[in-house]
Amino acid sequence: KAIIAYDKTNKVKALGFDGIVITIIHRLNDVEDKWVVAPRNYKVSDD
């Protein structure tokens, strides 16, 4: 879960996990957004 670093290509490296940002959870009533990171080609529904 912990993101250590990211770059402009949205590639994320987190404690041995290598993935990409597939979704941003945009909070309309807060100042923070959250990234959903998954392995390449991982398919997941909005639900």
All heavy atoms as atom14 arrays in JSON, in Angstrom:
{
  "sequence": "KAIIAYDKTNKVKALGFDGIVITIIHRLNDVEDKWVVAPRNYKVSDD",
  "atom14_mask": [
    [1, 1, 1, 1, 1, 1, 1, 1, 1, 0, 0, 0, 0, 0],
    [1, 1, 1, 1, 1, 0, 0, 0, 0, 0, 0, 0, 0, 0],
    [1, 1, 1, 1, 1, 1, 1, 1, 0, 0, 0, 0, 0, 0],
    [1, 1, 1, 1, 1, 1, 1, 1, 0, 0, 0, 0, 0, 0],
    [1, 1, 1, 1, 1, 0, 0, 0, 0, 0, 0, 0, 0, 0],
    [1, 1, 1, 1, 1, 1, 1, 1, 1, 1, 1, 1, 0, 0],
    [1, 1, 1, 1, 1, 1, 1, 1, 0, 0, 0, 0, 0, 0],
    [1, 1, 1, 1, 1, 1, 1, 1, 1, 0, 0, 0, 0, 0],
    [1, 1, 1, 1, 1, 1, 1, 0, 0, 0, 0, 0, 0, 0],
    [1, 1, 1, 1, 1, 1, 1, 1, 0, 0, 0, 0, 0, 0],
    [1, 1, 1, 1, 1, 1, 1, 1, 1, 0, 0, 0, 0, 0],
    [1, 1, 1, 1, 1, 1, 1, 0, 0, 0, 0, 0, 0, 0],
    [1, 1, 1, 1, 1, 1, 1, 1, 1, 0, 0, 0, 0, 0],
    [1, 1, 1, 1, 1, 0, 0, 0, 0, 0, 0, 0, 0, 0],
    [1, 1, 1, 1, 1, 1, 1, 1, 0, 0, 0, 0, 0, 0],
    [1, 1, 1, 1, 0, 0, 0, 0, 0, 0, 0, 0, 0, 0],
    [1, 1, 1, 1, 1, 1, 1, 1, 1, 1, 1, 0, 0, 0],
    [1, 1, 1, 1, 1, 1, 1, 1, 0, 0, 0, 0, 0, 0],
    [1, 1, 1, 1, 0, 0, 0, 0, 0, 0, 0, 0, 0, 0],
    [1, 1, 1, 1, 1, 1, 1, 1, 0, 0, 0, 0, 0, 0],
    [1, 1, 1, 1, 1, 1, 1, 0, 0, 0, 0, 0, 0, 0],
    [1, 1, 1, 1, 1, 1, 1, 1, 0, 0, 0, 0, 0, 0],
    [1, 1, 1, 1, 1, 1, 1, 0, 0, 0, 0, 0, 0, 0],
    [1, 1, 1, 1, 1, 1, 1, 1, 0, 0, 0, 0, 0, 0],
    [1, 1, 1, 1, 1, 1, 1, 1, 0, 0, 0, 0, 0, 0],
    [1, 1, 1, 1, 1, 1, 1, 1, 1, 1, 0, 0, 0, 0],
    [1, 1, 1, 1, 1, 1, 1, 1, 1, 1, 1, 0, 0, 0],
    [1, 1, 1, 1, 1, 1, 1, 1, 0, 0, 0, 0, 0, 0],
    [1, 1, 1, 1, 1, 1, 1, 1, 0, 0, 0, 0, 0, 0],
    [1, 1, 1, 1, 1, 1, 1, 1, 0, 0, 0, 0, 0, 0],
    [1, 1, 1, 1, 1, 1, 1, 0, 0, 0, 0, 0, 0, 0],
    [1, 1, 1, 1, 1, 1, 1, 1, 1, 0, 0, 0, 0, 0],
    [1, 1, 1, 1, 1, 1, 1, 1, 0, 0, 0, 0, 0, 0],
    [1, 1, 1, 1, 1, 1, 1, 1, 1, 0, 0, 0, 0, 0],
    [1, 1, 1, 1, 1, 1, 1, 1, 1, 1, 1, 1, 1, 1],
    [1, 1, 1, 1, 1, 1, 1, 0, 0, 0, 0, 0, 0, 0],
    [1, 1, 1, 1, 1, 1, 1, 0, 0, 0, 0, 0, 0, 0],
    [1, 1, 1, 1, 1, 0, 0, 0, 0, 0, 0, 0, 0, 0],
    [1, 1, 1, 1, 1, 1, 1, 0, 0, 0, 0, 0, 0, 0],
    [1, 1, 1, 1, 1, 1, 1, 1, 1, 1, 1, 0, 0, 0],
    [1, 1, 1, 1, 1, 1, 1, 1, 0, 0, 0, 0, 0, 0],
    [1, 1, 1, 1, 1, 1, 1, 1, 1, 1, 1, 1, 0, 0],
    [1, 1, 1, 1, 1, 1, 1, 1, 1, 0, 0, 0, 0, 0],
    [1, 1, 1, 1, 1, 1, 1, 0, 0, 0, 0, 0, 0, 0],
    [1, 1, 1, 1, 1, 1, 0, 0, 0, 0, 0, 0, 0, 0],
    [1, 1, 1, 1, 1, 1, 1, 1, 0, 0, 0, 0, 0, 0],
    [1, 1, 1, 1, 1, 1, 1, 1, 0, 0, 0, 0, 0, 0]
  ],
  "atom14_positions": [
    [[0.8, -1.22, 0.0], [0.0, 0.0, 0.0], [0.83, 1.27, 0.0], [0.39, 2.27, -0.51], [-0.94, 0.0, 1.19], [-1.98, -1.08, 1.13], [-2.88, -1.03, 2.31], [-3.89, -2.18, 2.26], [-4.75, -2.2, 3.41], [0.0, 0.0, 0.0], [0.0, 0.0, 0.0], [0.0, 0.0, 0.0], [0.0, 0.0, 0.0], [0.0, 0.0, 0.0]],
    [[2.02, 1.25, 0.58], [2.8, 2.47, 0.73], [3.51, 2.84, -0.57], [4.26, 2.05, -1.11], [3.83, 2.31, 1.83], [0.0, 0.0, 0.0], [0.0, 0.0, 0.0], [0.0, 0.0, 0.0], [0.0, 0.0, 0.0], [0.0, 0.0, 0.0], [0.0, 0.0, 0.0], [0.0, 0.0, 0.0], [0.0, 0.0, 0.0], [0.0, 0.0, 0.0]],
    [[3.25, 4.01, -1.07], [3.93, 4.47, -2.26], [5.2, 5.19, -1.84], [5.18, 6.12, -1.04], [3.04, 5.43, -3.08], [1.83, 4.67, -3.6], [3.83, 6.06, -4.21], [0.82, 5.54, -4.29], [0.0, 0.0, 0.0], [0.0, 0.0, 0.0], [0.0, 0.0, 0.0], [0.0, 0.0, 0.0], [0.0, 0.0, 0.0], [0.0, 0.0, 0.0]],
    [[6.32, 4.74, -2.35], [7.6, 5.36, -2.03], [7.94, 6.44, -3.03], [8.35, 7.53, -2.66], [8.72, 4.3, -1.99], [8.47, 3.35, -0.82], [10.09, 4.95, -1.87], [9.39, 2.18, -0.77], [0.0, 0.0, 0.0], [0.0, 0.0, 0.0], [0.0, 0.0, 0.0], [0.0, 0.0, 0.0], [0.0, 0.0, 0.0], [0.0, 0.0, 0.0]],
    [[7.79, 6.17, -4.31], [8.15, 7.14, -5.33], [7.31, 6.94, -6.58], [6.81, 5.85, -6.82], [9.62, 7.01, -5.68], [0.0, 0.0, 0.0], [0.0, 0.0, 0.0], [0.0, 0.0, 0.0], [0.0, 0.0, 0.0], [0.0, 0.0, 0.0], [0.0, 0.0, 0.0], [0.0, 0.0, 0.0], [0.0, 0.0, 0.0], [0.0, 0.0, 0.0]],
    [[7.15, 8.0, -7.34], [6.46, 7.91, -8.62], [7.11, 8.9, -9.57], [7.79, 9.83, -9.15], [4.96, 8.17, -8.48], [4.62, 9.56, -7.99], [4.34, 10.59, -8.89], [4.58, 9.85, -6.63], [4.04, 11.85, -8.44], [4.29, 11.12, -6.18], [4.01, 12.11, -7.09], [3.72, 13.38, -6.65], [0.0, 0.0, 0.0], [0.0, 0.0, 0.0]],
    [[6.9, 8.67, -10.86], [7.44, 9.6, -11.83], [6.34, 10.04, -12.8], [5.19, 9.67, -12.64], [8.64, 9.01, -12.57], [8.29, 7.77, -13.37], [7.13, 7.61, -13.75], [9.2, 6.97, -13.61], [0.0, 0.0, 0.0], [0.0, 0.0, 0.0], [0.0, 0.0, 0.0], [0.0, 0.0, 0.0], [0.0, 0.0, 0.0], [0.0, 0.0, 0.0]],
    [[6.7, 10.83, -13.77], [5.71, 11.42, -14.67], [5.02, 10.41, -15.57], [4.03, 10.72, -16.19], [6.36, 12.52, -15.51], [6.77, 13.7, -14.67], [7.43, 14.76, -15.51], [7.87, 15.88, -14.58], [8.63, 16.9, -15.28], [0.0, 0.0, 0.0], [0.0, 0.0, 0.0], [0.0, 0.0, 0.0], [0.0, 0.0, 0.0], [0.0, 0.0, 0.0]],
    [[5.53, 9.2, -15.65], [4.89, 8.16, -16.46], [3.83, 7.41, -15.66], [3.24, 6.47, -16.15], [5.93, 7.15, -16.96], [6.49, 6.46, -15.85], [7.01, 7.81, -17.77], [0.0, 0.0, 0.0], [0.0, 0.0, 0.0], [0.0, 0.0, 0.0], [0.0, 0.0, 0.0], [0.0, 0.0, 0.0], [0.0, 0.0, 0.0], [0.0, 0.0, 0.0]],
    [[3.61, 7.81, -14.4], [2.67, 7.15, -13.5], [3.12, 5.76, -13.1], [2.33, 4.95, -12.65], [1.25, 7.09, -14.06], [0.61, 8.44, -14.14], [0.94, 9.33, -13.36], [-0.28, 8.63, -15.08], [0.0, 0.0, 0.0], [0.0, 0.0, 0.0], [0.0, 0.0, 0.0], [0.0, 0.0, 0.0], [0.0, 0.0, 0.0], [0.0, 0.0, 0.0]],
    [[4.41, 5.45, -13.27], [4.94, 4.17, -12.8], [5.29, 4.32, -11.33], [5.94, 5.27, -10.94], [6.17, 3.78, -13.61], [6.65, 2.39, -13.28], [7.68, 1.92, -14.25], [8.09, 0.52, -13.88], [9.04, -0.03, -14.82], [0.0, 0.0, 0.0], [0.0, 0.0, 0.0], [0.0, 0.0, 0.0], [0.0, 0.0, 0.0], [0.0, 0.0, 0.0]],
    [[4.86, 3.38, -10.54], [5.02, 3.47, -9.09], [5.87, 2.32, -8.6], [5.7, 1.18, -9.04], [3.63, 3.44, -8.41], [3.78, 3.44, -6.91], [2.8, 4.63, -8.86], [0.0, 0.0, 0.0], [0.0, 0.0, 0.0], [0.0, 0.0, 0.0], [0.0, 0.0, 0.0], [0.0, 0.0, 0.0], [0.0, 0.0, 0.0], [0.0, 0.0, 0.0]],
    [[6.77, 2.6, -7.67], [7.53, 1.54, -7.01], [7.24, 1.66, -5.52], [7.45, 2.7, -4.92], [9.02, 1.69, -7.28], [9.34, 1.46, -8.73], [10.81, 1.39, -8.95], [11.03, 1.28, -10.44], [11.75, 0.15, -10.85], [0.0, 0.0, 0.0], [0.0, 0.0, 0.0], [0.0, 0.0, 0.0], [0.0, 0.0, 0.0], [0.0, 0.0, 0.0]],
    [[6.75, 0.59, -4.93], [6.36, 0.62, -3.53], [6.82, -0.66, -2.85], [6.26, -1.72, -3.07], [4.85, 0.77, -3.39], [0.0, 0.0, 0.0], [0.0, 0.0, 0.0], [0.0, 0.0, 0.0], [0.0, 0.0, 0.0], [0.0, 0.0, 0.0], [0.0, 0.0, 0.0], [0.0, 0.0, 0.0], [0.0, 0.0, 0.0], [0.0, 0.0, 0.0]],
    [[7.84, -0.57, -2.07], [8.31, -1.69, -1.26], [8.32, -3.01, -2.02], [7.71, -3.99, -1.6], [7.45, -1.8, 0.0], [7.47, -0.6, 0.92], [6.49, -0.81, 2.07], [8.85, -0.32, 1.46], [0.0, 0.0, 0.0], [0.0, 0.0, 0.0], [0.0, 0.0, 0.0], [0.0, 0.0, 0.0], [0.0, 0.0, 0.0], [0.0, 0.0, 0.0]],
    [[8.96, -3.04, -3.15], [9.05, -4.26, -3.92], [7.89, -4.49, -4.88], [7.87, -5.47, -5.6], [0.0, 0.0, 0.0], [0.0, 0.0, 0.0], [0.0, 0.0, 0.0], [0.0, 0.0, 0.0], [0.0, 0.0, 0.0], [0.0, 0.0, 0.0], [0.0, 0.0, 0.0], [0.0, 0.0, 0.0], [0.0, 0.0, 0.0], [0.0, 0.0, 0.0]],
    [[6.94, -3.61, -4.89], [5.79, -3.72, -5.79], [6.02, -2.79, -6.96], [6.37, -1.64, -6.79], [4.5, -3.34, -5.08], [3.29, -3.39, -5.96], [2.69, -4.59, -6.26], [2.77, -2.23, -6.51], [1.58, -4.64, -7.08], [1.67, -2.28, -7.34], [1.07, -3.48, -7.62], [0.0, 0.0, 0.0], [0.0, 0.0, 0.0], [0.0, 0.0, 0.0]],
    [[5.82, -3.28, -8.17], [5.98, -2.47, -9.36], [4.64, -2.46, -10.08], [4.12, -3.51, -10.44], [7.08, -3.08, -10.24], [7.42, -2.2, -11.43], [7.07, -1.01, -11.4], [8.03, -2.71, -12.37], [0.0, 0.0, 0.0], [0.0, 0.0, 0.0], [0.0, 0.0, 0.0], [0.0, 0.0, 0.0], [0.0, 0.0, 0.0], [0.0, 0.0, 0.0]],
    [[4.06, -1.28, -10.25], [2.75, -1.21, -10.89], [2.54, 0.15, -11.52], [3.44, 0.98, -11.56], [0.0, 0.0, 0.0], [0.0, 0.0, 0.0], [0.0, 0.0, 0.0], [0.0, 0.0, 0.0], [0.0, 0.0, 0.0], [0.0, 0.0, 0.0], [0.0, 0.0, 0.0], [0.0, 0.0, 0.0], [0.0, 0.0, 0.0], [0.0, 0.0, 0.0]],
    [[1.33, 0.36, -12.02], [0.96, 1.63, -12.63], [-0.33, 2.13, -12.0], [-1.13, 1.37, -11.46], [0.79, 1.49, -14.15], [-0.29, 0.47, -14.49], [2.11, 1.13, -14.82], [-0.7, 0.47, -15.95], [0.0, 0.0, 0.0], [0.0, 0.0, 0.0], [0.0, 0.0, 0.0], [0.0, 0.0, 0.0], [0.0, 0.0, 0.0], [0.0, 0.0, 0.0]],
    [[-0.52, 3.43, -12.09], [-1.76, 4.04, -11.6], [-2.85, 3.73, -12.63], [-2.71, 4.05, -13.8], [-1.61, 5.56, -11.43], [-2.92, 6.2, -11.02], [-0.52, 5.87, -10.4], [0.0, 0.0, 0.0], [0.0, 0.0, 0.0], [0.0, 0.0, 0.0], [0.0, 0.0, 0.0], [0.0, 0.0, 0.0], [0.0, 0.0, 0.0], [0.0, 0.0, 0.0]],
    [[-3.92, 3.07, -12.18], [-5.02, 2.74, -13.08], [-6.24, 3.63, -12.85], [-7.08, 3.76, -13.72], [-5.42, 1.25, -13.0], [-5.86, 0.87, -11.59], [-4.28, 0.37, -13.48], [-6.51, -0.5, -11.49], [0.0, 0.0, 0.0], [0.0, 0.0, 0.0], [0.0, 0.0, 0.0], [0.0, 0.0, 0.0], [0.0, 0.0, 0.0], [0.0, 0.0, 0.0]],
    [[-6.32, 4.21, -11.65], [-7.46, 5.05, -11.29], [-7.02, 6.05, -10.25], [-6.19, 5.75, -9.4], [-8.6, 4.19, -10.69], [-8.96, 3.17, -11.61], [-9.82, 5.01, -10.36], [0.0, 0.0, 0.0], [0.0, 0.0, 0.0], [0.0, 0.0, 0.0], [0.0, 0.0, 0.0], [0.0, 0.0, 0.0], [0.0, 0.0, 0.0], [0.0, 0.0, 0.0]],
    [[-7.62, 7.24, -10.31], [-7.47, 8.21, -9.22], [-8.83, 8.34, -8.57], [-9.85, 8.5, -9.24], [-7.0, 9.57, -9.74], [-5.59, 9.44, -10.33], [-7.03, 10.62, -8.63], [-5.1, 10.69, -11.03], [0.0, 0.0, 0.0], [0.0, 0.0, 0.0], [0.0, 0.0, 0.0], [0.0, 0.0, 0.0], [0.0, 0.0, 0.0], [0.0, 0.0, 0.0]],
    [[-8.85, 8.22, -7.24], [-10.07, 8.49, -6.49], [-10.02, 9.97, -6.12], [-9.24, 10.38, -5.26], [-10.17, 7.61, -5.25], [-10.16, 6.13, -5.63], [-11.42, 7.97, -4.44], [-10.1, 5.18, -4.44], [0.0, 0.0, 0.0], [0.0, 0.0, 0.0], [0.0, 0.0, 0.0], [0.0, 0.0, 0.0], [0.0, 0.0, 0.0], [0.0, 0.0, 0.0]],
    [[-10.81, 10.75, -6.83], [-10.83, 12.2, -6.63], [-11.86, 12.54, -5.56], [-13.04, 12.25, -5.72], [-11.16, 12.92, -7.94], [-11.3, 14.38, -7.8], [-10.28, 15.19, -7.35], [-12.35, 15.19, -8.05], [-10.71, 16.44, -7.33], [-11.96, 16.46, -7.75], [0.0, 0.0, 0.0], [0.0, 0.0, 0.0], [0.0, 0.0, 0.0], [0.0, 0.0, 0.0]],
    [[-11.38, 13.11, -4.47], [-12.27, 13.51, -3.38], [-12.77, 14.92, -3.64], [-12.01, 15.88, -3.67], [-11.53, 13.45, -2.05], [-11.19, 12.05, -1.62], [-10.43, 12.06, -0.33], [-10.21, 10.71, 0.18], [-9.46, 10.46, 1.25], [-8.87, 11.44, 1.91], [-9.32, 9.22, 1.65], [0.0, 0.0, 0.0], [0.0, 0.0, 0.0], [0.0, 0.0, 0.0]],
    [[-14.08, 15.05, -3.8], [-14.68, 16.34, -4.12], [-14.77, 17.26, -2.91], [-14.84, 18.48, -3.07], [-16.07, 16.12, -4.73], [-16.09, 15.28, -6.01], [-17.51, 14.95, -6.4], [-15.35, 15.97, -7.13], [0.0, 0.0, 0.0], [0.0, 0.0, 0.0], [0.0, 0.0, 0.0], [0.0, 0.0, 0.0], [0.0, 0.0, 0.0], [0.0, 0.0, 0.0]],
    [[-14.76, 16.7, -1.72], [-14.89, 17.5, -0.51], [-13.68, 17.35, 0.41], [-13.8, 17.37, 1.63], [-16.18, 17.16, 0.22], [-16.28, 15.69, 0.6], [-15.58, 14.84, 0.07], [-17.17, 15.39, 1.54], [0.0, 0.0, 0.0], [0.0, 0.0, 0.0], [0.0, 0.0, 0.0], [0.0, 0.0, 0.0], [0.0, 0.0, 0.0], [0.0, 0.0, 0.0]],
    [[-12.49, 17.2, -0.18], [-11.25, 17.07, 0.58], [-10.1, 17.53, -0.31], [-10.27, 17.67, -1.53], [-11.04, 15.61, 1.0], [-9.93, 15.45, 2.03], [-9.9, 16.23, 3.02], [-9.09, 14.56, 1.85], [0.0, 0.0, 0.0], [0.0, 0.0, 0.0], [0.0, 0.0, 0.0], [0.0, 0.0, 0.0], [0.0, 0.0, 0.0], [0.0, 0.0, 0.0]],
    [[-8.95, 17.75, 0.28], [-7.79, 18.22, -0.49], [-6.93, 17.08, -1.02], [-6.02, 17.31, -1.8], [-6.92, 19.2, 0.32], [-7.7, 20.46, 0.67], [-6.39, 18.54, 1.58], [0.0, 0.0, 0.0], [0.0, 0.0, 0.0], [0.0, 0.0, 0.0], [0.0, 0.0, 0.0], [0.0, 0.0, 0.0], [0.0, 0.0, 0.0], [0.0, 0.0, 0.0]],
    [[-7.17, 15.87, -0.58], [-6.37, 14.72, -1.0], [-7.11, 13.87, -2.02], [-8.32, 13.67, -1.92], [-6.04, 13.81, 0.19], [-4.96, 14.33, 1.07], [-4.55, 13.28, 2.11], [-5.02, 12.13, 2.07], [-3.74, 13.63, 2.94], [0.0, 0.0, 0.0], [0.0, 0.0, 0.0], [0.0, 0.0, 0.0], [0.0, 0.0, 0.0], [0.0, 0.0, 0.0]],
    [[-6.37, 13.35, -2.97], [-6.86, 12.32, -3.87], [-6.06, 11.06, -3.58], [-4.98, 11.12, -3.0], [-6.65, 12.72, -5.33], [-7.55, 13.88, -5.75], [-8.59, 14.1, -5.1], [-7.21, 14.55, -6.73], [0.0, 0.0, 0.0], [0.0, 0.0, 0.0], [0.0, 0.0, 0.0], [0.0, 0.0, 0.0], [0.0, 0.0, 0.0], [0.0, 0.0, 0.0]],
    [[-6.58, 9.92, -3.95], [-5.91, 8.64, -3.73], [-5.69, 7.94, -5.05], [-6.55, 7.99, -5.94], [-6.73, 7.74, -2.79], [-6.96, 8.34, -1.43], [-5.66, 8.54, -0.69], [-5.9, 9.17, 0.66], [-4.68, 9.5, 1.35], [0.0, 0.0, 0.0], [0.0, 0.0, 0.0], [0.0, 0.0, 0.0], [0.0, 0.0, 0.0], [0.0, 0.0, 0.0]],
    [[-4.55, 7.28, -5.18], [-4.22, 6.53, -6.38], [-4.5, 5.05, -6.18], [-4.19, 4.5, -5.13], [-2.75, 6.68, -6.72], [-2.34, 8.03, -7.17], [-3.1, 9.17, -7.25], [-1.04, 8.42, -7.61], [-2.36, 10.21, -7.7], [-1.1, 9.79, -7.93], [0.16, 7.73, -7.76], [0.02, 10.47, -8.4], [1.26, 8.42, -8.23], [1.18, 9.77, -8.56]],
    [[-5.05, 4.43, -7.19], [-5.21, 2.98, -7.2], [-4.11, 2.45, -8.12], [-4.06, 2.8, -9.3], [-6.6, 2.57, -7.72], [-6.71, 1.05, -7.78], [-7.7, 3.17, -6.84], [0.0, 0.0, 0.0], [0.0, 0.0, 0.0], [0.0, 0.0, 0.0], [0.0, 0.0, 0.0], [0.0, 0.0, 0.0], [0.0, 0.0, 0.0], [0.0, 0.0, 0.0]],
    [[-3.24, 1.63, -7.55], [-2.08, 1.11, -8.27], [-2.24, -0.39, -8.43], [-2.63, -1.08, -7.5], [-0.78, 1.42, -7.49], [0.44, 0.88, -8.22], [-0.65, 2.92, -7.25], [0.0, 0.0, 0.0], [0.0, 0.0, 0.0], [0.0, 0.0, 0.0], [0.0, 0.0, 0.0], [0.0, 0.0, 0.0], [0.0, 0.0, 0.0], [0.0, 0.0, 0.0]],
    [[-1.95, -0.88, -9.62], [-2.11, -2.3, -9.9], [-1.02, -2.76, -10.87], [-0.41, -1.94, -11.55], [-3.48, -2.56, -10.51], [0.0, 0.0, 0.0], [0.0, 0.0, 0.0], [0.0, 0.0, 0.0], [0.0, 0.0, 0.0], [0.0, 0.0, 0.0], [0.0, 0.0, 0.0], [0.0, 0.0, 0.0], [0.0, 0.0, 0.0], [0.0, 0.0, 0.0]],
    [[-0.8, -4.07, -10.93], [0.15, -4.59, -11.92], [-0.34, -4.26, -13.33], [-1.54, -4.1, -13.57], [0.12, -6.1, -11.69], [-0.45, -6.28, -10.33], [-1.37, -5.13, -10.1], [0.0, 0.0, 0.0], [0.0, 0.0, 0.0], [0.0, 0.0, 0.0], [0.0, 0.0, 0.0], [0.0, 0.0, 0.0], [0.0, 0.0, 0.0], [0.0, 0.0, 0.0]],
    [[0.58, -4.15, -14.26], [0.2, -3.92, -15.67], [-0.79, -4.99, -16.12], [-0.7, -6.14, -15.73], [1.42, -3.96, -16.56], [2.34, -2.8, -16.34], [3.41, -2.75, -17.42], [4.32, -1.67, -17.12], [4.08, -0.38, -17.37], [2.95, -0.02, -17.9], [4.97, 0.54, -17.07], [0.0, 0.0, 0.0], [0.0, 0.0, 0.0], [0.0, 0.0, 0.0]],
    [[-1.73, -4.59, -16.95], [-2.75, -5.47, -17.53], [-3.72, -6.05, -16.52], [-4.45, -7.0, -16.82], [-2.1, -6.6, -18.35], [-1.22, -6.06, -19.45], [-1.59, -5.09, -20.12], [-0.05, -6.64, -19.62], [0.0, 0.0, 0.0], [0.0, 0.0, 0.0], [0.0, 0.0, 0.0], [0.0, 0.0, 0.0], [0.0, 0.0, 0.0], [0.0, 0.0, 0.0]],
    [[-3.75, -5.53, -15.3], [-4.7, -5.98, -14.29], [-6.05, -5.33, -14.56], [-6.15, -4.12, -14.7], [-4.19, -5.6, -12.91], [-5.05, -6.09, -11.77], [-4.97, -7.39, -11.32], [-5.94, -5.23, -11.13], [-5.74, -7.84, -10.26], [-6.72, -5.67, -10.08], [-6.62, -6.97, -9.65], [-7.4, -7.41, -8.6], [0.0, 0.0, 0.0], [0.0, 0.0, 0.0]],
    [[-7.08, -6.1, -14.65], [-8.42, -5.6, -14.94], [-9.26, -5.57, -13.67], [-9.33, -6.56, -12.95], [-9.11, -6.48, -15.98], [-8.35, -6.64, -17.26], [-8.29, -5.36, -18.03], [-7.6, -5.59, -19.37], [-6.84, -4.47, -19.81], [0.0, 0.0, 0.0], [0.0, 0.0, 0.0], [0.0, 0.0, 0.0], [0.0, 0.0, 0.0], [0.0, 0.0, 0.0]],
    [[-9.86, -4.44, -13.39], [-10.71, -4.29, -12.21], [-11.84, -3.33, -12.55], [-11.65, -2.34, -13.27], [-9.88, -3.81, -10.99], [-9.26, -2.46, -11.24], [-10.7, -3.79, -9.73], [0.0, 0.0, 0.0], [0.0, 0.0, 0.0], [0.0, 0.0, 0.0], [0.0, 0.0, 0.0], [0.0, 0.0, 0.0], [0.0, 0.0, 0.0], [0.0, 0.0, 0.0]],
    [[-13.02, -3.62, -12.07], [-14.18, -2.79, -12.36], [-14.27, -1.62, -11.37], [-13.68, -1.66, -10.29], [-15.47, -3.62, -12.28], [-15.72, -3.99, -10.94], [0.0, 0.0, 0.0], [0.0, 0.0, 0.0], [0.0, 0.0, 0.0], [0.0, 0.0, 0.0], [0.0, 0.0, 0.0], [0.0, 0.0, 0.0], [0.0, 0.0, 0.0], [0.0, 0.0, 0.0]],
    [[-15.03, -0.61, -11.75], [-15.28, 0.51, -10.84], [-15.93, 0.01, -9.54], [-15.57, 0.44, -8.45], [-16.2, 1.55, -11.48], [-15.51, 2.35, -12.57], [-14.29, 2.2, -12.77], [-16.22, 3.13, -13.24], [0.0, 0.0, 0.0], [0.0, 0.0, 0.0], [0.0, 0.0, 0.0], [0.0, 0.0, 0.0], [0.0, 0.0, 0.0], [0.0, 0.0, 0.0]],
    [[-16.87, -0.91, -9.68], [-17.55, -1.45, -8.5], [-16.58, -2.13, -7.54], [-16.71, -2.0, -6.32], [-18.66, -2.43, -8.9], [-19.85, -1.73, -9.53], [-20.02, -0.52, -9.31], [-20.61, -2.41, -10.26], [0.0, 0.0, 0.0], [0.0, 0.0, 0.0], [0.0, 0.0, 0.0], [0.0, 0.0, 0.0], [0.0, 0.0, 0.0], [0.0, 0.0, 0.0]]
  ]
}
